[in-house]
Every structure is written in structure tokens, then in C-alpha cells.
Amino acid sequence: MNFQFMRIKFVYRLVGLTLIAALIAEAGTTSSYARKNELSDDMPLDSDVFQVPPGYNAPQQVVHITQGDHRGRAVIVSWITPNEPGSNQVSYWDETNLIKRSAEAIVIKYNFYNYTSGYIHHATIEKLKYGTKYYYEVGLDDTKRQFWFITPPKPGPDVPYTFGLIGDLGQTHDSNRTLTHYELNPMKGQALLFVGDLSYADSYPFHDNARWDTWGLFIERNAAYQPWIWTAGNHEIDFVPEQGETKPFKPYIHRFFVPYRASGSTSPLWYSIKRASAYIIVMSSYSAFGKYTPQYKWLTSELEKVNRKVTPWLIVLVHCPMYSSYVHHFMEGETMRVLYEPWFVKYRVDVVFAGHVHAYERSERISNIAFDVVNGKCTPISDESAPVYITIGDGGNQEGLVKKMTQPQPSYSARREASFGHGIFDIKNRTHAYFGWHRNQDGYAVEADSVWLLNRYWKSVKEASVAEL
């Protein structure tokens, strides 16, 4: 082994256990795992994952939930009835109290080219108790359907919580493997952070919106029981002027409600939530984000509001990666990176999760904020105030994997592999979190990559305290 190219990454202690990171090559590693080149086929429409619930006008197609407020004490329940509006009520009760309460849904429809949606219901259940299991029902009489969810614990610095991560899912056989692996992962994600590109309905002739319905049926088995935190990707834009469709994100915005107003946002495409010990900021790669735009004004003010003493883990979700060493989509996120990376470094964002590139990659903690066009300082450098950038657009969609990578592997890239899979972000306490990436071809508990993350805020606080001694 040539130690000239090696360096010690870090040494720290967690709960009495000394964790010593392995010697890591400056340029990181590229996995030697080789997948077959064929594209993944869509699951057939008669597959059991697309099974429609029985009964006339039964609630179906995207029975899913997401967080319904900023603090974690509300849930948005969404469902569709195909034939008529039906009941707009959702009944709910906690497992320790069988008294049923109800919340009223708004009911909307939309048209897209030659498609007319069913009746889309969105009900917000409010004033829930933290850390409590609730049951809920939608539908009437013999078509009534029951599900459950568990609210997060009250936000606090040492509250453990486990997030799943999936991006660019689609509805192929590989999509099904990804979701199955996530469901069977023994680490058990409690909420799913979805980094964009959902159904790929726009990949079908005329942006066939019936494929939004099949995708909803597919994810219901998980999304009806734990909140999926939504990020919009390029496949959600659905801008097709030649078909008379000139309103971007039309199907997505009608189908997936988020609590954007609770964080002072003016658009459902960017918003924030607090959940346990995490503060999650969702950005939109495909909305105006330049200086003075609504998204820019909101995000820069939002970062100032985060109280890291309460929610120490600052997470950003965005679809297009700001750092990627794959040839496909290379540097597409550069304009957003140039504008927002200084803010991420200033406020010590812990991790930025992205999709878009259909492969996996994890960066070192680096930044490229010194570059000013004329000084020539255009190479990312190690920066302990910077986030780790993780690309996880490997959910399994019909477009397949991207395998061509820039060579040699750049110094900012710690690990990369062209395989389908999912991630788990497991917050232990205010200082430590564990991230693992699971390749579809491995057993459910096998990790193809993993890393311990030391919280940026509390690391800086500790260093400041030591300096004062």
C-alpha cells in the first residue's frame, strides 16, 4: 500500500466506543460491482402491486400521508375516489383512546390533455400527540379502509430518529425491489425522504397521467403508513405546450400536498419541516432560484431561523446534485451550487441529499466557495464547515442506471457506484448520525457503503469550548 496517497480522516468517540475511520484514499473509491446493462422493464399492469381495492368508489390511488405542519403534530392524508367524491371525512383515533375524531378533506380534480383525474382528497389531521400511534379510516361502509401511522417524538437535540431515502423510483421491477428492500431493512425507517422523480408518467405517450394512478397504487403499501417527505424533480414538471399543458408541475401539485405555508413559503415546491432532531429544508431545482427570487429570499431567511440547539441536524433535499462525478447530468447543478453553497457552509448544513443521477455517490466534506472567476481557485477543497453531498437517484426507474463516470475519480468523491438501492439516515443524538446505502442485489441488512457523520453545529461548539480553555 502506498501511504503517500493516504490520510487519516478522523477519530472520535461515541458512547464509550472509539470509532477510528479507515485510511481513505484522497480520490475515494469506485465500486467494482458490475451490473448487467439492460434496462428494467415496467411491472405489468395486472401485477398485484397495482391491484385496485374492491368495491364501488373505494378509496384508492395514492392513499398516502406526509407531515401536515412544521412541528410534526399534524398529518396530511390523501386519497382518490374514482367515480364520485364520496365521503370527504377521515376518521382517526390513537391506540390508547378509541374515541374517534374526524377531519374534513378538500376535494379537487384536474385535467391533463385527454386525462381526467379521479376525486383527489386531502385532509389535514391536526393537534396530534407526539410519539403516538394513530389509526385512520377513509371510505364508506363496505369500502372503508383502515391504516395507521406513528407521529414523531417532540423535537429535541438528542431525539433519535431514522429516515429512509429513495429517489427516482418509477414503477419497474427494480423499483419494486428498492421499495421491498427498504420495507424489510432491519433499521426500519420511520419516515421517507424522497428526493424527486416519482412516477415517470411523463415518459409514457402523451405524459399518460394514468401512470400517476398506478404509481400511487404501488407506493400505498408504505406511504399510507409512514410520511413521505416530497421533493419535486424534472419528471414532475409536465410542461407540454404542444398538448396544451403550460402549467408546470400540474399533476404533482394536485396530487401531493405539503405544509409549505407553515414555514412561510409561497410555493409547495420549497418548504421546511422539523421532525425529531432534524430540520429538513426542501428546495426546487426547477423553479426560479436566482438572487431576489421567492425561493432565494425564502431559503436565505429560513437558514437563519434554524435553532440548532433544538434541531441540530440540518438536512437539505434537492433533486439535481450540486456535486456529481458521473458524465450524465454532469454539472447541471452548478448554477445552484454557486449561489447556495456559501449559505450551506455559513450555516453548517450537515448533509445534502439529491437524486437525478441514476446511481449512488457520496462526497467528502468539501466546498468550492473561494472561486470568483478570475482567481483560478476552481478546485473543491476540504472544508469542515461544509455538508456531505449524497446522490441517491438510484430507485430503479425505466431509464436505467448511468455508468459512465469522469476519470480519474475527483478528490471530492468519496464513494461511487452505479447500482440501484436505498439509503438510511439514522440519527443517534445531537452529535452523531449514521448513513448506510443498501444495494438492491445484497441482502436486506448488507450495506454497500456507510459513514458516521459528526454534527457540524455541535462540532463547532465543542471546538470553540476547547479553544476557550
Protein backbone atom coordinates (compact mmCIF):
# COMPACT_ATOMS: atom_id res chain seq x y z
CA MET A 1 0.00 0.00 0.00
CA ASN A 2 1.41 3.42 -0.96
CA PHE A 3 0.86 5.61 2.11
CA GLN A 4 1.88 8.72 0.18
CA PHE A 5 -1.70 8.89 -1.08
CA MET A 6 -3.41 8.10 2.18
CA ARG A 7 -4.55 10.22 5.11
CA ILE A 8 -6.26 9.75 8.43
CA LYS A 9 -9.83 11.03 8.16
CA PHE A 10 -10.99 11.33 11.72
CA VAL A 11 -11.00 9.81 15.18
CA TYR A 12 -13.85 10.31 17.58
CA ARG A 13 -15.56 8.63 20.50
CA LEU A 14 -19.26 7.61 20.54
CA VAL A 15 -20.88 6.25 23.73
CA GLY A 16 -17.58 4.96 25.05
CA LEU A 17 -16.68 3.29 21.77
CA THR A 18 -13.75 4.68 19.87
CA LEU A 19 -14.53 4.77 16.19
CA ILE A 20 -11.46 5.06 14.03
CA ALA A 21 -12.09 5.75 10.37
CA ALA A 22 -10.09 3.69 7.95
CA LEU A 23 -7.34 5.21 5.91
CA ILE A 24 -9.11 6.71 2.91
CA ALA A 25 -7.62 7.37 -0.49
CA GLU A 26 -7.60 11.03 -1.48
CA ALA A 27 -9.63 10.32 -4.59
CA GLY A 28 -12.11 7.99 -2.90
CA THR A 29 -13.20 4.66 -4.28
CA THR A 30 -15.24 3.47 -7.23
CA SER A 31 -17.02 0.20 -6.58
CA SER A 32 -16.00 -2.74 -8.73
CA TYR A 33 -19.50 -4.20 -8.50
CA ALA A 34 -20.81 -4.73 -12.05
CA ARG A 35 -24.47 -4.84 -13.00
CA LYS A 36 -25.97 -6.02 -16.26
CA ASN A 37 -26.62 -3.32 -18.83
CA GLU A 38 -30.25 -3.98 -19.69
CA LEU A 39 -32.97 -1.52 -18.75
CA SER A 40 -35.53 -2.53 -16.17
CA ASP A 41 -38.98 -3.35 -17.52
CA ASP A 42 -42.14 -1.83 -16.09
CA MET A 43 -44.18 -4.11 -13.90
CA PRO A 44 -47.21 -5.41 -15.85
CA LEU A 45 -50.48 -3.61 -15.20
CA ASP A 46 -52.04 -6.82 -13.86
CA SER A 47 -49.32 -7.07 -11.22
CA ASP A 48 -50.51 -7.35 -7.64
CA VAL A 49 -48.75 -4.08 -6.77
CA PHE A 50 -51.31 -2.26 -8.94
CA GLN A 51 -54.33 -4.06 -7.52
CA VAL A 52 -57.35 -1.77 -7.12
CA PRO A 53 -59.23 -2.16 -3.81
CA PRO A 54 -62.65 -3.79 -4.21
CA GLY A 55 -65.98 -2.03 -4.02
CA TYR A 56 -67.68 0.80 -5.83
CA ASN A 57 -65.81 4.11 -5.46
CA ALA A 58 -63.39 2.60 -2.94
CA PRO A 59 -60.60 4.98 -1.84
CA GLN A 60 -57.56 4.14 -3.93
CA GLN A 61 -54.72 5.52 -5.97
CA VAL A 62 -52.28 7.22 -3.69
CA VAL A 63 -53.58 6.71 -0.19
CA HIS A 64 -50.52 8.37 1.29
CA ILE A 65 -49.51 10.60 4.15
CA THR A 66 -46.99 13.37 4.73
CA GLN A 67 -46.24 15.75 7.57
CA GLY A 68 -49.01 18.32 7.84
CA ASP A 69 -47.39 21.16 9.78
CA HIS A 70 -43.96 22.50 10.65
CA ARG A 71 -43.53 20.79 14.04
CA GLY A 72 -44.72 17.23 13.48
CA ARG A 73 -48.13 17.39 15.19
CA ALA A 74 -50.21 17.16 12.01
CA VAL A 75 -50.53 14.71 9.12
CA ILE A 76 -51.93 15.24 5.63
CA VAL A 77 -53.89 12.19 4.46
CA SER A 78 -54.51 11.98 0.71
CA TRP A 79 -56.64 9.56 -1.28
CA ILE A 80 -58.59 9.34 -4.54
CA THR A 81 -62.07 8.07 -5.29
CA PRO A 82 -62.56 7.16 -8.96
CA ASN A 83 -66.29 7.55 -9.61
CA GLU A 84 -67.65 10.32 -7.40
CA PRO A 85 -66.46 12.43 -4.47
CA GLY A 86 -67.81 10.09 -1.82
CA SER A 87 -67.05 10.91 1.80
CA ASN A 88 -64.61 13.73 2.43
CA GLN A 89 -64.06 12.65 6.04
CA VAL A 90 -61.11 10.82 7.55
CA SER A 91 -61.76 9.24 10.94
CA TYR A 92 -58.84 8.77 13.33
CA TRP A 93 -58.06 7.71 16.89
CA ASP A 94 -54.98 6.92 18.95
CA GLU A 95 -54.31 3.40 20.14
CA THR A 96 -54.80 4.32 23.79
CA ASN A 97 -58.14 6.04 23.23
CA LEU A 98 -60.80 4.52 20.99
CA ILE A 99 -62.81 7.74 20.73
CA LYS A 100 -62.95 8.57 17.03
CA ARG A 101 -62.48 12.04 15.71
CA SER A 102 -62.71 13.25 12.13
CA ALA A 103 -61.06 15.72 9.79
CA GLU A 104 -62.55 17.13 6.63
CA ALA A 105 -60.78 16.93 3.29
CA ILE A 106 -60.81 19.32 0.40
CA VAL A 107 -61.70 17.57 -2.86
CA ILE A 108 -60.14 18.60 -6.18
CA LYS A 109 -59.81 17.30 -9.74
CA TYR A 110 -57.65 18.20 -12.70
CA ASN A 111 -57.50 17.57 -16.44
CA PHE A 112 -54.31 16.86 -18.34
CA TYR A 113 -54.59 16.55 -22.14
CA ASN A 114 -57.03 13.65 -22.62
CA TYR A 115 -56.96 12.52 -18.98
CA THR A 116 -59.33 13.47 -16.16
CA SER A 117 -58.30 12.61 -12.63
CA GLY A 118 -60.45 10.99 -10.02
CA TYR A 119 -61.61 12.96 -6.99
CA ILE A 120 -58.46 13.81 -5.02
CA HIS A 121 -58.96 14.25 -1.27
CA HIS A 122 -56.51 16.00 1.06
CA ALA A 123 -57.33 16.08 4.78
CA THR A 124 -55.10 17.59 7.47
CA ILE A 125 -55.31 15.94 10.89
CA GLU A 126 -54.10 18.46 13.46
CA LYS A 127 -53.24 18.67 17.17
CA LEU A 128 -51.87 15.16 17.35
CA LYS A 129 -49.80 13.94 20.27
CA TYR A 130 -46.09 13.35 19.77
CA GLY A 131 -44.78 9.80 19.68
CA THR A 132 -48.22 8.22 19.37
CA LYS A 133 -49.68 5.54 17.11
CA TYR A 134 -52.89 6.59 15.39
CA TYR A 135 -55.30 4.61 13.26
CA TYR A 136 -57.26 6.26 10.46
CA GLU A 137 -60.06 5.28 8.08
CA VAL A 138 -61.22 6.59 4.72
CA GLY A 139 -64.23 5.50 2.67
CA LEU A 140 -67.78 4.48 3.42
CA ASP A 141 -69.50 1.29 4.56
CA ASP A 142 -68.11 -1.79 2.82
CA THR A 143 -65.40 0.24 1.04
CA LYS A 144 -63.96 1.63 4.27
CA ARG A 145 -60.20 1.18 4.51
CA GLN A 146 -58.08 1.39 7.66
CA PHE A 147 -54.40 2.34 8.04
CA TRP A 148 -52.13 3.69 10.79
CA PHE A 149 -49.17 5.97 11.39
CA ILE A 150 -46.89 6.98 14.27
CA THR A 151 -46.24 10.63 15.00
CA PRO A 152 -42.63 11.70 15.60
CA PRO A 153 -41.28 12.47 19.05
CA LYS A 154 -41.22 16.08 20.18
CA PRO A 155 -38.31 17.98 18.58
CA GLY A 156 -35.22 17.96 20.76
CA PRO A 157 -31.45 17.77 20.35
CA ASP A 158 -30.90 14.17 21.46
CA VAL A 159 -34.03 12.61 19.99
CA PRO A 160 -33.04 9.58 17.87
CA TYR A 161 -34.88 9.15 14.58
CA THR A 162 -34.41 7.09 11.43
CA PHE A 163 -35.12 8.35 7.91
CA GLY A 164 -35.24 6.31 4.72
CA LEU A 165 -34.04 7.79 1.43
CA ILE A 166 -35.23 6.98 -2.09
CA GLY A 167 -35.07 8.90 -5.33
CA ASP A 168 -36.02 8.45 -8.99
CA LEU A 169 -38.22 5.45 -8.24
CA GLY A 170 -40.55 4.81 -11.17
CA GLN A 171 -42.60 1.63 -11.39
CA THR A 172 -40.35 -1.10 -12.75
CA HIS A 173 -39.31 -4.45 -11.33
CA ASP A 174 -36.22 -2.71 -9.94
CA SER A 175 -38.48 -0.06 -8.37
CA ASN A 176 -40.30 -2.83 -6.57
CA ARG A 177 -37.03 -4.35 -5.38
CA THR A 178 -35.93 -0.99 -3.99
CA LEU A 179 -39.15 -0.44 -2.06
CA THR A 180 -39.17 -4.04 -0.81
CA HIS A 181 -35.58 -3.74 0.40
CA TYR A 182 -36.45 -0.53 2.22
CA GLU A 183 -39.51 -2.11 3.86
CA LEU A 184 -37.50 -5.12 5.03
CA ASN A 185 -34.45 -3.20 6.18
CA PRO A 186 -33.99 -4.09 9.88
CA MET A 187 -33.05 -0.47 10.66
CA LYS A 188 -36.71 0.43 9.96
CA GLY A 189 -37.01 3.94 8.60
CA GLN A 190 -39.73 5.93 10.37
CA ALA A 191 -40.26 8.48 7.59
CA LEU A 192 -39.07 8.55 3.98
CA LEU A 193 -37.21 11.46 2.42
CA PHE A 194 -37.99 11.31 -1.30
CA VAL A 195 -35.60 13.34 -3.48
CA GLY A 196 -37.73 13.68 -6.62
CA ASP A 197 -38.76 11.92 -9.84
CA LEU A 198 -41.74 9.90 -8.70
CA SER A 199 -43.88 8.06 -11.24
CA TYR A 200 -42.15 8.83 -14.58
CA ALA A 201 -45.61 9.30 -16.07
CA ASP A 202 -44.08 11.86 -18.42
CA SER A 203 -42.05 9.07 -20.03
CA TYR A 204 -45.21 7.44 -21.43
CA PRO A 205 -47.00 8.64 -24.59
CA PHE A 206 -48.71 12.00 -24.07
CA HIS A 207 -47.50 12.12 -20.45
CA ASP A 208 -50.02 9.42 -19.61
CA ASN A 209 -51.39 10.50 -16.23
CA ALA A 210 -52.95 7.10 -15.68
CA ARG A 211 -49.41 6.11 -14.71
CA TRP A 212 -49.66 8.51 -11.78
CA ASP A 213 -52.57 6.37 -10.63
CA THR A 214 -50.65 3.09 -10.96
CA TRP A 215 -47.67 4.58 -9.14
CA GLY A 216 -49.94 5.63 -6.30
CA LEU A 217 -51.26 2.10 -6.00
CA PHE A 218 -47.67 0.82 -5.97
CA ILE A 219 -46.37 3.01 -3.12
CA GLU A 220 -49.51 2.85 -0.98
CA ARG A 221 -48.27 -0.22 0.89
CA ASN A 222 -45.65 2.00 2.57
CA ALA A 223 -46.72 5.61 2.02
CA ALA A 224 -50.07 5.04 3.76
CA TYR A 225 -48.26 4.09 6.97
CA GLN A 226 -45.32 6.47 7.20
CA PRO A 227 -44.92 10.01 5.89
CA TRP A 228 -43.10 10.53 2.62
CA ILE A 229 -41.46 13.96 2.51
CA TRP A 230 -41.73 15.10 -1.09
CA THR A 231 -39.22 16.84 -3.36
CA ALA A 232 -40.10 17.69 -6.97
CA GLY A 233 -37.81 16.55 -9.78
CA ASN A 234 -37.61 17.19 -13.50
CA HIS A 235 -40.07 14.36 -14.23
CA GLU A 236 -42.69 16.23 -12.24
CA ILE A 237 -42.54 19.36 -14.43
CA ASP A 238 -45.01 18.04 -17.05
CA PHE A 239 -44.72 21.16 -19.21
CA VAL A 240 -46.12 20.15 -22.63
CA PRO A 241 -47.30 23.20 -24.60
CA GLU A 242 -47.79 21.13 -27.74
CA GLN A 243 -50.52 19.29 -25.81
CA GLY A 244 -51.94 22.49 -24.39
CA GLU A 245 -50.36 21.88 -20.98
CA THR A 246 -48.50 25.04 -20.00
CA LYS A 247 -48.70 24.94 -16.19
CA PRO A 248 -45.56 23.27 -14.79
CA PHE A 249 -45.94 20.66 -12.04
CA LYS A 250 -49.70 20.43 -12.54
CA PRO A 251 -50.24 16.72 -11.70
CA TYR A 252 -47.68 16.80 -8.90
CA ILE A 253 -49.13 19.84 -7.14
CA HIS A 254 -52.68 18.46 -7.34
CA ARG A 255 -51.71 15.04 -6.01
CA PHE A 256 -49.13 15.82 -3.35
CA PHE A 257 -49.97 18.43 -0.76
CA VAL A 258 -47.20 19.63 1.59
CA PRO A 259 -47.28 22.08 4.55
CA TYR A 260 -45.39 24.84 2.76
CA ARG A 261 -47.31 27.76 4.27
CA ALA A 262 -46.34 26.62 7.77
CA SER A 263 -42.72 27.54 7.01
CA GLY A 264 -43.56 30.85 5.34
CA SER A 265 -43.03 29.55 1.81
CA THR A 266 -45.10 30.84 -1.09
CA SER A 267 -44.85 27.61 -3.09
CA PRO A 268 -45.34 23.89 -2.39
CA LEU A 269 -42.11 23.27 -4.30
CA TRP A 270 -39.90 24.59 -1.47
CA TYR A 271 -40.64 24.33 2.24
CA SER A 272 -39.25 23.08 5.54
CA ILE A 273 -40.29 20.87 8.44
CA LYS A 274 -38.95 19.92 11.84
CA ARG A 275 -39.03 16.24 12.69
CA ALA A 276 -37.49 14.88 15.90
CA SER A 277 -33.91 16.25 15.99
CA ALA A 278 -33.81 17.15 12.27
CA TYR A 279 -34.61 20.35 10.42
CA ILE A 280 -35.35 19.46 6.81
CA ILE A 281 -35.27 22.02 4.00
CA VAL A 282 -36.72 21.07 0.61
CA MET A 283 -35.54 23.02 -2.44
CA SER A 284 -36.75 23.11 -6.04
CA SER A 285 -34.13 22.64 -8.75
CA TYR A 286 -36.62 23.51 -11.50
CA SER A 287 -38.17 26.68 -10.13
CA ALA A 288 -36.56 30.11 -10.27
CA PHE A 289 -33.83 30.14 -7.65
CA GLY A 290 -31.64 33.11 -8.59
CA LYS A 291 -30.98 36.01 -6.30
CA TYR A 292 -34.11 38.06 -5.47
CA THR A 293 -36.47 35.22 -6.49
CA PRO A 294 -39.08 33.99 -3.98
CA GLN A 295 -37.19 30.74 -3.42
CA TYR A 296 -33.89 32.54 -2.76
CA LYS A 297 -35.47 35.03 -0.37
CA TRP A 298 -37.24 32.26 1.50
CA LEU A 299 -34.25 29.93 1.79
CA THR A 300 -31.75 32.54 2.94
CA SER A 301 -34.13 33.73 5.64
CA GLU A 302 -35.08 30.16 6.57
CA LEU A 303 -31.49 29.16 7.31
CA GLU A 304 -31.23 31.99 9.82
CA LYS A 305 -34.26 30.67 11.72
CA VAL A 306 -32.92 27.18 12.44
CA ASN A 307 -32.26 26.66 16.14
CA ARG A 308 -29.55 24.00 16.16
CA LYS A 309 -29.83 23.66 19.93
CA VAL A 310 -33.29 22.13 19.36
CA THR A 311 -32.92 20.55 15.92
CA PRO A 312 -29.18 20.10 15.43
CA TRP A 313 -29.34 18.05 12.23
CA LEU A 314 -29.76 20.38 9.25
CA ILE A 315 -30.68 18.42 6.10
CA VAL A 316 -31.29 19.77 2.60
CA LEU A 317 -33.26 17.85 -0.05
CA VAL A 318 -32.91 18.85 -3.69
CA HIS A 319 -33.33 16.91 -6.90
CA CYS A 320 -30.34 17.94 -9.03
CA PRO A 321 -27.00 17.20 -7.33
CA MET A 322 -24.57 20.05 -6.78
CA TYR A 323 -21.60 17.67 -6.82
CA SER A 324 -21.51 14.62 -9.09
CA SER A 325 -18.70 12.87 -10.93
CA TYR A 326 -20.92 10.97 -13.37
CA VAL A 327 -20.84 12.04 -17.01
CA HIS A 328 -24.64 12.05 -17.35
CA HIS A 329 -26.11 15.28 -15.94
CA PHE A 330 -22.56 16.45 -15.19
CA MET A 331 -22.54 19.97 -13.69
CA GLU A 332 -26.29 20.51 -14.22
CA GLY A 333 -26.49 21.67 -10.62
CA GLU A 334 -23.57 24.07 -10.93
CA THR A 335 -25.55 27.30 -11.05
CA MET A 336 -27.47 26.35 -7.92
CA ARG A 337 -24.25 25.27 -6.21
CA VAL A 338 -22.51 28.57 -6.93
CA LEU A 339 -25.40 30.52 -5.45
CA TYR A 340 -26.24 28.42 -2.40
CA GLU A 341 -23.05 26.65 -1.35
CA PRO A 342 -21.76 29.68 0.60
CA TRP A 343 -25.01 29.64 2.59
CA PHE A 344 -24.66 25.91 3.28
CA VAL A 345 -21.13 26.45 4.57
CA LYS A 346 -22.06 29.54 6.60
CA TYR A 347 -24.90 27.74 8.38
CA ARG A 348 -23.06 24.40 8.60
CA VAL A 349 -25.56 22.22 6.78
CA ASP A 350 -24.85 18.59 7.71
CA VAL A 351 -25.87 16.75 4.57
CA VAL A 352 -27.43 17.49 1.17
CA PHE A 353 -29.37 14.62 -0.43
CA ALA A 354 -30.10 14.66 -4.17
CA GLY A 355 -31.37 12.39 -6.93
CA HIS A 356 -31.46 12.90 -10.72
CA VAL A 357 -28.28 10.93 -11.47
CA HIS A 358 -29.31 7.28 -11.60
CA ALA A 359 -26.51 5.96 -9.44
CA TYR A 360 -25.04 6.37 -5.97
CA GLU A 361 -22.31 8.76 -4.85
CA ARG A 362 -21.10 10.23 -1.56
CA SER A 363 -18.76 13.20 -1.33
CA GLU A 364 -16.13 14.24 1.17
CA ARG A 365 -16.81 17.39 3.17
CA ILE A 366 -15.69 19.92 0.60
CA SER A 367 -16.54 23.36 -0.72
CA ASN A 368 -15.71 25.48 -3.74
CA ILE A 369 -16.65 28.91 -2.45
CA ALA A 370 -13.29 30.64 -2.99
CA PHE A 371 -13.68 30.71 -6.77
CA ASP A 372 -14.53 34.15 -8.18
CA VAL A 373 -13.99 33.58 -11.94
CA VAL A 374 -10.62 35.37 -12.11
CA ASN A 375 -8.64 33.87 -9.23
CA GLY A 376 -8.40 30.37 -10.72
CA LYS A 377 -9.34 28.68 -7.43
CA CYS A 378 -11.83 26.34 -9.04
CA THR A 379 -10.95 23.07 -7.31
CA PRO A 380 -13.09 21.94 -4.36
CA ILE A 381 -11.11 21.83 -1.11
CA SER A 382 -11.62 20.10 2.20
CA ASP A 383 -13.95 22.17 4.41
CA GLU A 384 -15.10 21.00 7.83
CA SER A 385 -17.97 23.52 7.76
CA ALA A 386 -19.37 22.05 4.54
CA PRO A 387 -22.02 19.37 4.13
CA VAL A 388 -21.58 15.89 2.77
CA TYR A 389 -23.33 15.61 -0.62
CA ILE A 390 -25.08 12.29 -1.27
CA THR A 391 -26.64 11.39 -4.61
CA ILE A 392 -29.21 8.63 -4.33
CA GLY A 393 -31.15 8.78 -7.61
CA ASP A 394 -30.97 5.01 -7.87
CA GLY A 395 -34.55 3.96 -7.10
CA GLY A 396 -34.95 1.75 -10.17
CA ASN A 397 -36.76 3.68 -12.90
CA GLN A 398 -37.19 2.65 -16.53
CA GLU A 399 -34.34 4.85 -17.79
CA GLY A 400 -31.81 2.56 -16.13
CA LEU A 401 -28.50 3.30 -14.48
CA VAL A 402 -25.85 5.77 -15.55
CA LYS A 403 -22.46 4.08 -15.56
CA LYS A 404 -20.07 6.41 -17.31
CA MET A 405 -18.00 8.31 -14.76
CA THR A 406 -15.46 11.10 -15.05
CA GLN A 407 -11.90 9.82 -14.83
CA PRO A 408 -9.85 9.95 -12.77
CA GLN A 409 -12.20 10.00 -9.81
CA PRO A 410 -12.13 13.56 -8.45
CA SER A 411 -10.82 14.20 -4.95
CA TYR A 412 -14.24 15.37 -3.71
CA SER A 413 -15.82 11.98 -4.45
CA ALA A 414 -15.51 9.54 -1.54
CA ARG A 415 -17.53 6.63 -2.92
CA ARG A 416 -19.50 5.97 -6.11
CA GLU A 417 -21.30 3.01 -7.60
CA ALA A 418 -23.79 2.54 -10.44
CA SER A 419 -26.39 0.33 -8.77
CA PHE A 420 -29.99 0.62 -7.64
CA GLY A 421 -30.68 0.91 -3.93
CA HIS A 422 -31.90 2.99 -0.99
CA GLY A 423 -30.42 4.83 1.96
CA ILE A 424 -30.93 5.00 5.72
CA PHE A 425 -30.04 8.10 7.73
CA ASP A 426 -30.06 7.12 11.40
CA ILE A 427 -29.76 9.99 13.88
CA LYS A 428 -28.36 8.76 17.20
CA ASN A 429 -28.10 12.01 19.19
CA ARG A 430 -27.09 15.66 18.78
CA THR A 431 -23.55 14.79 17.71
CA HIS A 432 -23.66 11.57 15.69
CA ALA A 433 -25.67 10.09 12.84
CA TYR A 434 -25.07 7.02 10.73
CA PHE A 435 -25.72 6.79 7.00
CA GLY A 436 -25.87 3.49 5.13
CA TRP A 437 -26.52 2.80 1.46
CA HIS A 438 -28.05 -0.56 0.55
CA ARG A 439 -27.54 -2.05 -2.90
CA ASN A 440 -30.56 -3.96 -4.22
CA GLN A 441 -28.55 -7.04 -5.07
CA ASP A 442 -27.40 -7.57 -1.49
CA GLY A 443 -29.29 -8.95 1.47
CA TYR A 444 -31.58 -6.55 3.28
CA ALA A 445 -29.07 -5.86 6.05
CA VAL A 446 -26.00 -5.57 3.83
CA GLU A 447 -24.56 -2.10 3.32
CA ALA A 448 -22.52 -1.33 0.22
CA ASP A 449 -21.39 1.99 1.74
CA SER A 450 -21.67 3.63 5.14
CA VAL A 451 -20.31 6.59 7.06
CA TRP A 452 -20.60 8.13 10.53
CA LEU A 453 -21.46 11.83 10.39
CA LEU A 454 -20.39 14.24 13.11
CA ASN A 455 -22.86 17.09 13.50
CA ARG A 456 -21.43 20.33 12.11
CA TYR A 457 -23.02 22.64 14.66
CA TRP A 458 -22.08 20.72 17.78
CA LYS A 459 -18.61 20.02 16.42
CA SER A 460 -18.03 23.77 16.10
CA VAL A 461 -19.45 24.40 19.59
CA LYS A 462 -17.13 21.81 21.08
CA GLU A 463 -14.12 23.22 19.26
CA ALA A 464 -14.98 26.73 20.47
CA SER A 465 -15.25 25.48 24.06
CA VAL A 466 -11.89 23.73 23.85
CA ALA A 467 -10.29 26.87 22.40
CA GLU A 468 -11.51 28.89 25.40
CA LEU A 469 -9.77 26.60 27.89
